[in-house]
Amino acid sequence: MAGAVEARLAELGLTLPAVVPPLASYQPAVQSGVYVYTSGQLPMVDGKLAVTGKVGAEVTSDEAKELAKTCALNALAAVKSVAGDLDRIKRVVKVVGFVASASDFTGQPAVINGASELLGAALGDKGVHARSAVGVAVLPLDAPVEVEVQVELDEA
């Protein structure tokens, strides 16, 4: 049975996906005490990147913002895989977003807003977080965006 967070996602027209399998030697998420740390999540849908390339060149800022939303949804799936229930999230502590950027692109914060806005919509005040939005030359698989999330859980 889905909890309140997954019900909010459903109201937004979203379904929590299966956890994206690791591309290398790591785990999608790990728990240490009351914290869950996700690995960087790419905007994978059904095992594939729908879009590749640099933001500000082959990918528009608006497209990248939607991709960041997909990354955050994948991060929530990774959190659930170790926490068992998204309703255990006490708060999102930190979001780090990486944007594969054309050399003159400076809109990384607006792109990563896609992830931040999704977390806020799904979790309310618990989704308010600290954040970094970083421009990089290239990401794995030529992904335009990658997002990692750190959450604090209620004691189980």
C-alpha atoms as a PDB file:
ATOM      1  CA  MET A   1       0.000   0.000   0.000  1.00  0.00           C
ATOM      2  CA  ALA A   2       1.363   3.406  -0.990  1.00  0.00           C
ATOM      3  CA  GLY A   3       1.851   6.042   1.690  1.00  0.00           C
ATOM      4  CA  ALA A   4       1.079   9.740   1.712  1.00  0.00           C
ATOM      5  CA  VAL A   5       4.152  10.747  -0.300  1.00  0.00           C
ATOM      6  CA  GLU A   6       3.371   8.273  -3.078  1.00  0.00           C
ATOM      7  CA  ALA A   7      -0.271   9.430  -3.009  1.00  0.00           C
ATOM      8  CA  ARG A   8       0.926  13.026  -3.545  1.00  0.00           C
ATOM      9  CA  LEU A   9       3.068  11.847  -6.448  1.00  0.00           C
ATOM     10  CA  ALA A  10       0.004  10.124  -7.936  1.00  0.00           C
ATOM     11  CA  GLU A  11      -1.955  13.384  -7.592  1.00  0.00           C
ATOM     12  CA  LEU A  12       0.846  15.003  -9.618  1.00  0.00           C
ATOM     13  CA  GLY A  13       0.407  12.319 -12.273  1.00  0.00           C
ATOM     14  CA  LEU A  14       3.642  10.578 -11.313  1.00  0.00           C
ATOM     15  CA  THR A  15       4.430   7.007 -10.355  1.00  0.00           C
ATOM     16  CA  LEU A  16       7.478   6.022  -8.356  1.00  0.00           C
ATOM     17  CA  PRO A  17       9.664   4.069 -10.810  1.00  0.00           C
ATOM     18  CA  ALA A  18      11.708   0.966 -10.164  1.00  0.00           C
ATOM     19  CA  VAL A  19      15.168   1.739  -8.820  1.00  0.00           C
ATOM     20  CA  VAL A  20      17.611   2.446 -11.645  1.00  0.00           C
ATOM     21  CA  PRO A  21      20.234  -0.324 -11.602  1.00  0.00           C
ATOM     22  CA  PRO A  22      23.808   0.865 -10.976  1.00  0.00           C
ATOM     23  CA  LEU A  23      25.934   1.557 -14.044  1.00  0.00           C
ATOM     24  CA  ALA A  24      29.149   0.633 -12.204  1.00  0.00           C
ATOM     25  CA  SER A  25      30.370  -0.561  -8.807  1.00  0.00           C
ATOM     26  CA  TYR A  26      28.116   1.273  -6.308  1.00  0.00           C
ATOM     27  CA  GLN A  27      24.703   1.108  -4.659  1.00  0.00           C
ATOM     28  CA  PRO A  28      21.786   3.365  -5.703  1.00  0.00           C
ATOM     29  CA  ALA A  29      21.408   4.457  -2.047  1.00  0.00           C
ATOM     30  CA  VAL A  30      22.888   3.687   1.348  1.00  0.00           C
ATOM     31  CA  GLN A  31      21.644   4.368   4.850  1.00  0.00           C
ATOM     32  CA  SER A  32      23.905   5.509   7.673  1.00  0.00           C
ATOM     33  CA  GLY A  33      22.038   6.026  10.929  1.00  0.00           C
ATOM     34  CA  VAL A  34      18.982   8.145  10.165  1.00  0.00           C
ATOM     35  CA  TYR A  35      20.401   9.447   6.875  1.00  0.00           C
ATOM     36  CA  VAL A  36      20.003   8.074   3.358  1.00  0.00           C
ATOM     37  CA  TYR A  37      22.436   9.166   0.668  1.00  0.00           C
ATOM     38  CA  THR A  38      21.610   8.475  -2.955  1.00  0.00           C
ATOM     39  CA  SER A  39      24.139   7.987  -5.669  1.00  0.00           C
ATOM     40  CA  GLY A  40      23.848  10.413  -8.551  1.00  0.00           C
ATOM     41  CA  GLN A  41      20.606   9.686 -10.369  1.00  0.00           C
ATOM     42  CA  LEU A  42      20.369  10.162 -14.116  1.00  0.00           C
ATOM     43  CA  PRO A  43      17.087  10.944 -15.906  1.00  0.00           C
ATOM     44  CA  MET A  44      16.511   7.307 -16.823  1.00  0.00           C
ATOM     45  CA  VAL A  45      13.035   6.208 -17.877  1.00  0.00           C
ATOM     46  CA  ASP A  46      12.458   2.509 -18.531  1.00  0.00           C
ATOM     47  CA  GLY A  47      16.210   1.906 -18.515  1.00  0.00           C
ATOM     48  CA  LYS A  48      17.071   4.560 -21.091  1.00  0.00           C
ATOM     49  CA  LEU A  49      18.024   8.209 -21.356  1.00  0.00           C
ATOM     50  CA  ALA A  50      15.383   9.940 -23.462  1.00  0.00           C
ATOM     51  CA  VAL A  51      17.707  12.874 -24.143  1.00  0.00           C
ATOM     52  CA  THR A  52      21.472  13.283 -24.299  1.00  0.00           C
ATOM     53  CA  GLY A  53      23.741  16.256 -24.803  1.00  0.00           C
ATOM     54  CA  LYS A  54      24.745  19.548 -23.253  1.00  0.00           C
ATOM     55  CA  VAL A  55      22.286  21.997 -21.765  1.00  0.00           C
ATOM     56  CA  GLY A  56      22.450  25.247 -23.694  1.00  0.00           C
ATOM     57  CA  ALA A  57      23.395  23.399 -26.894  1.00  0.00           C
ATOM     58  CA  GLU A  58      21.485  20.188 -27.799  1.00  0.00           C
ATOM     59  CA  VAL A  59      19.166  20.402 -24.763  1.00  0.00           C
ATOM     60  CA  THR A  60      17.098  23.429 -23.733  1.00  0.00           C
ATOM     61  CA  SER A  61      16.952  24.699 -20.175  1.00  0.00           C
ATOM     62  CA  ASP A  62      13.235  23.789 -19.989  1.00  0.00           C
ATOM     63  CA  GLU A  63      13.925  20.229 -21.191  1.00  0.00           C
ATOM     64  CA  ALA A  64      16.738  19.906 -18.661  1.00  0.00           C
ATOM     65  CA  LYS A  65      14.471  21.138 -15.845  1.00  0.00           C
ATOM     66  CA  GLU A  66      12.037  18.296 -16.652  1.00  0.00           C
ATOM     67  CA  LEU A  67      14.967  15.855 -16.720  1.00  0.00           C
ATOM     68  CA  ALA A  68      16.038  17.068 -13.255  1.00  0.00           C
ATOM     69  CA  LYS A  69      12.504  16.279 -12.067  1.00  0.00           C
ATOM     70  CA  THR A  70      12.938  12.736 -13.408  1.00  0.00           C
ATOM     71  CA  CYS A  71      16.273  12.481 -11.578  1.00  0.00           C
ATOM     72  CA  ALA A  72      14.565  13.479  -8.300  1.00  0.00           C
ATOM     73  CA  LEU A  73      11.837  10.898  -8.852  1.00  0.00           C
ATOM     74  CA  ASN A  74      14.535   8.252  -9.405  1.00  0.00           C
ATOM     75  CA  ALA A  75      16.257   9.456  -6.227  1.00  0.00           C
ATOM     76  CA  LEU A  76      13.018   8.984  -4.261  1.00  0.00           C
ATOM     77  CA  ALA A  77      12.816   5.423  -5.604  1.00  0.00           C
ATOM     78  CA  ALA A  78      16.392   4.835  -4.407  1.00  0.00           C
ATOM     79  CA  VAL A  79      15.541   6.260  -0.964  1.00  0.00           C
ATOM     80  CA  LYS A  80      12.493   3.998  -0.707  1.00  0.00           C
ATOM     81  CA  SER A  81      14.636   0.971  -1.599  1.00  0.00           C
ATOM     82  CA  VAL A  82      16.571   1.357   1.658  1.00  0.00           C
ATOM     83  CA  ALA A  83      14.073   3.205   3.889  1.00  0.00           C
ATOM     84  CA  GLY A  84      11.124   0.983   2.994  1.00  0.00           C
ATOM     85  CA  ASP A  85       8.603   3.843   3.036  1.00  0.00           C
ATOM     86  CA  LEU A  86       8.907   7.434   1.790  1.00  0.00           C
ATOM     87  CA  ASP A  87       6.677   8.553   4.662  1.00  0.00           C
ATOM     88  CA  ARG A  88       9.696   7.970   6.931  1.00  0.00           C
ATOM     89  CA  ILE A  89      11.397  11.024   5.395  1.00  0.00           C
ATOM     90  CA  LYS A  90      11.749  13.634   8.126  1.00  0.00           C
ATOM     91  CA  ARG A  91      13.308  16.108   5.708  1.00  0.00           C
ATOM     92  CA  VAL A  92      15.363  16.407   2.564  1.00  0.00           C
ATOM     93  CA  VAL A  93      18.680  17.737   3.830  1.00  0.00           C
ATOM     94  CA  LYS A  94      20.664  18.399   0.658  1.00  0.00           C
ATOM     95  CA  VAL A  95      20.332  18.173  -3.110  1.00  0.00           C
ATOM     96  CA  VAL A  96      23.337  18.318  -5.407  1.00  0.00           C
ATOM     97  CA  GLY A  97      22.647  18.780  -9.096  1.00  0.00           C
ATOM     98  CA  PHE A  98      25.109  18.471 -11.951  1.00  0.00           C
ATOM     99  CA  VAL A  99      24.312  19.997 -15.334  1.00  0.00           C
ATOM    100  CA  ALA A 100      26.320  19.064 -18.422  1.00  0.00           C
ATOM    101  CA  SER A 101      26.622  22.583 -19.761  1.00  0.00           C
ATOM    102  CA  ALA A 102      27.587  24.303 -22.983  1.00  0.00           C
ATOM    103  CA  SER A 103      30.542  26.597 -22.289  1.00  0.00           C
ATOM    104  CA  ASP A 104      28.341  29.717 -22.154  1.00  0.00           C
ATOM    105  CA  PHE A 105      25.405  28.217 -20.205  1.00  0.00           C
ATOM    106  CA  THR A 106      24.940  29.707 -16.729  1.00  0.00           C
ATOM    107  CA  GLY A 107      21.389  28.642 -15.858  1.00  0.00           C
ATOM    108  CA  GLN A 108      22.244  25.608 -13.722  1.00  0.00           C
ATOM    109  CA  PRO A 109      20.128  26.754 -10.730  1.00  0.00           C
ATOM    110  CA  ALA A 110      16.994  27.035 -12.899  1.00  0.00           C
ATOM    111  CA  VAL A 111      17.590  23.527 -14.262  1.00  0.00           C
ATOM    112  CA  ILE A 112      17.981  21.962 -10.814  1.00  0.00           C
ATOM    113  CA  ASN A 113      14.785  23.738  -9.721  1.00  0.00           C
ATOM    114  CA  GLY A 114      13.050  20.838 -11.484  1.00  0.00           C
ATOM    115  CA  ALA A 115      14.329  18.481  -8.788  1.00  0.00           C
ATOM    116  CA  SER A 116      13.738  20.925  -5.940  1.00  0.00           C
ATOM    117  CA  GLU A 117      10.195  21.711  -7.030  1.00  0.00           C
ATOM    118  CA  LEU A 118       9.308  18.016  -7.315  1.00  0.00           C
ATOM    119  CA  LEU A 119      10.627  17.317  -3.816  1.00  0.00           C
ATOM    120  CA  GLY A 120       8.644  20.264  -2.467  1.00  0.00           C
ATOM    121  CA  ALA A 121       5.467  19.150  -4.220  1.00  0.00           C
ATOM    122  CA  ALA A 122       5.828  15.568  -2.973  1.00  0.00           C
ATOM    123  CA  LEU A 123       7.021  16.285   0.566  1.00  0.00           C
ATOM    124  CA  GLY A 124       5.782  19.779   1.425  1.00  0.00           C
ATOM    125  CA  ASP A 125       7.909  21.507   4.075  1.00  0.00           C
ATOM    126  CA  LYS A 126       9.925  18.297   4.511  1.00  0.00           C
ATOM    127  CA  GLY A 127      11.166  18.787   0.946  1.00  0.00           C
ATOM    128  CA  VAL A 128      12.825  22.170   1.618  1.00  0.00           C
ATOM    129  CA  HIS A 129      16.593  21.645   1.430  1.00  0.00           C
ATOM    130  CA  ALA A 130      20.074  23.060   1.006  1.00  0.00           C
ATOM    131  CA  ARG A 131      21.364  22.724  -2.551  1.00  0.00           C
ATOM    132  CA  SER A 132      24.239  23.024  -4.981  1.00  0.00           C
ATOM    133  CA  ALA A 133      23.818  23.340  -8.763  1.00  0.00           C
ATOM    134  CA  VAL A 134      27.060  22.726 -10.623  1.00  0.00           C
ATOM    135  CA  GLY A 135      27.932  23.000 -14.305  1.00  0.00           C
ATOM    136  CA  VAL A 136      30.169  20.226 -15.644  1.00  0.00           C
ATOM    137  CA  ALA A 137      31.718  19.345 -18.995  1.00  0.00           C
ATOM    138  CA  VAL A 138      30.157  15.886 -19.354  1.00  0.00           C
ATOM    139  CA  LEU A 139      28.109  13.358 -17.364  1.00  0.00           C
ATOM    140  CA  PRO A 140      27.843   9.556 -17.626  1.00  0.00           C
ATOM    141  CA  LEU A 141      26.169   8.315 -20.835  1.00  0.00           C
ATOM    142  CA  ASP A 142      26.172  11.948 -22.075  1.00  0.00           C
ATOM    143  CA  ALA A 143      23.255  12.692 -19.705  1.00  0.00           C
ATOM    144  CA  PRO A 144      22.300  16.370 -19.495  1.00  0.00           C
ATOM    145  CA  VAL A 145      21.564  16.259 -15.732  1.00  0.00           C
ATOM    146  CA  GLU A 146      22.428  14.197 -12.642  1.00  0.00           C
ATOM    147  CA  VAL A 147      20.981  14.670  -9.151  1.00  0.00           C
ATOM    148  CA  GLU A 148      21.889  13.236  -5.750  1.00  0.00           C
ATOM    149  CA  VAL A 149      19.754  13.595  -2.636  1.00  0.00           C
ATOM    150  CA  GLN A 150      20.423  13.258   1.081  1.00  0.00           C
ATOM    151  CA  VAL A 151      17.464  12.722   3.418  1.00  0.00           C
ATOM    152  CA  GLU A 152      16.959  12.348   7.139  1.00  0.00           C
ATOM    153  CA  LEU A 153      14.538   9.655   8.250  1.00  0.00           C
ATOM    154  CA  ASP A 154      12.297   9.454  11.281  1.00  0.00           C
ATOM    155  CA  GLU A 155      13.510   6.781  13.664  1.00  0.00           C
ATOM    156  CA  ALA A 156      11.924   3.439  12.726  1.00  0.00           C
END
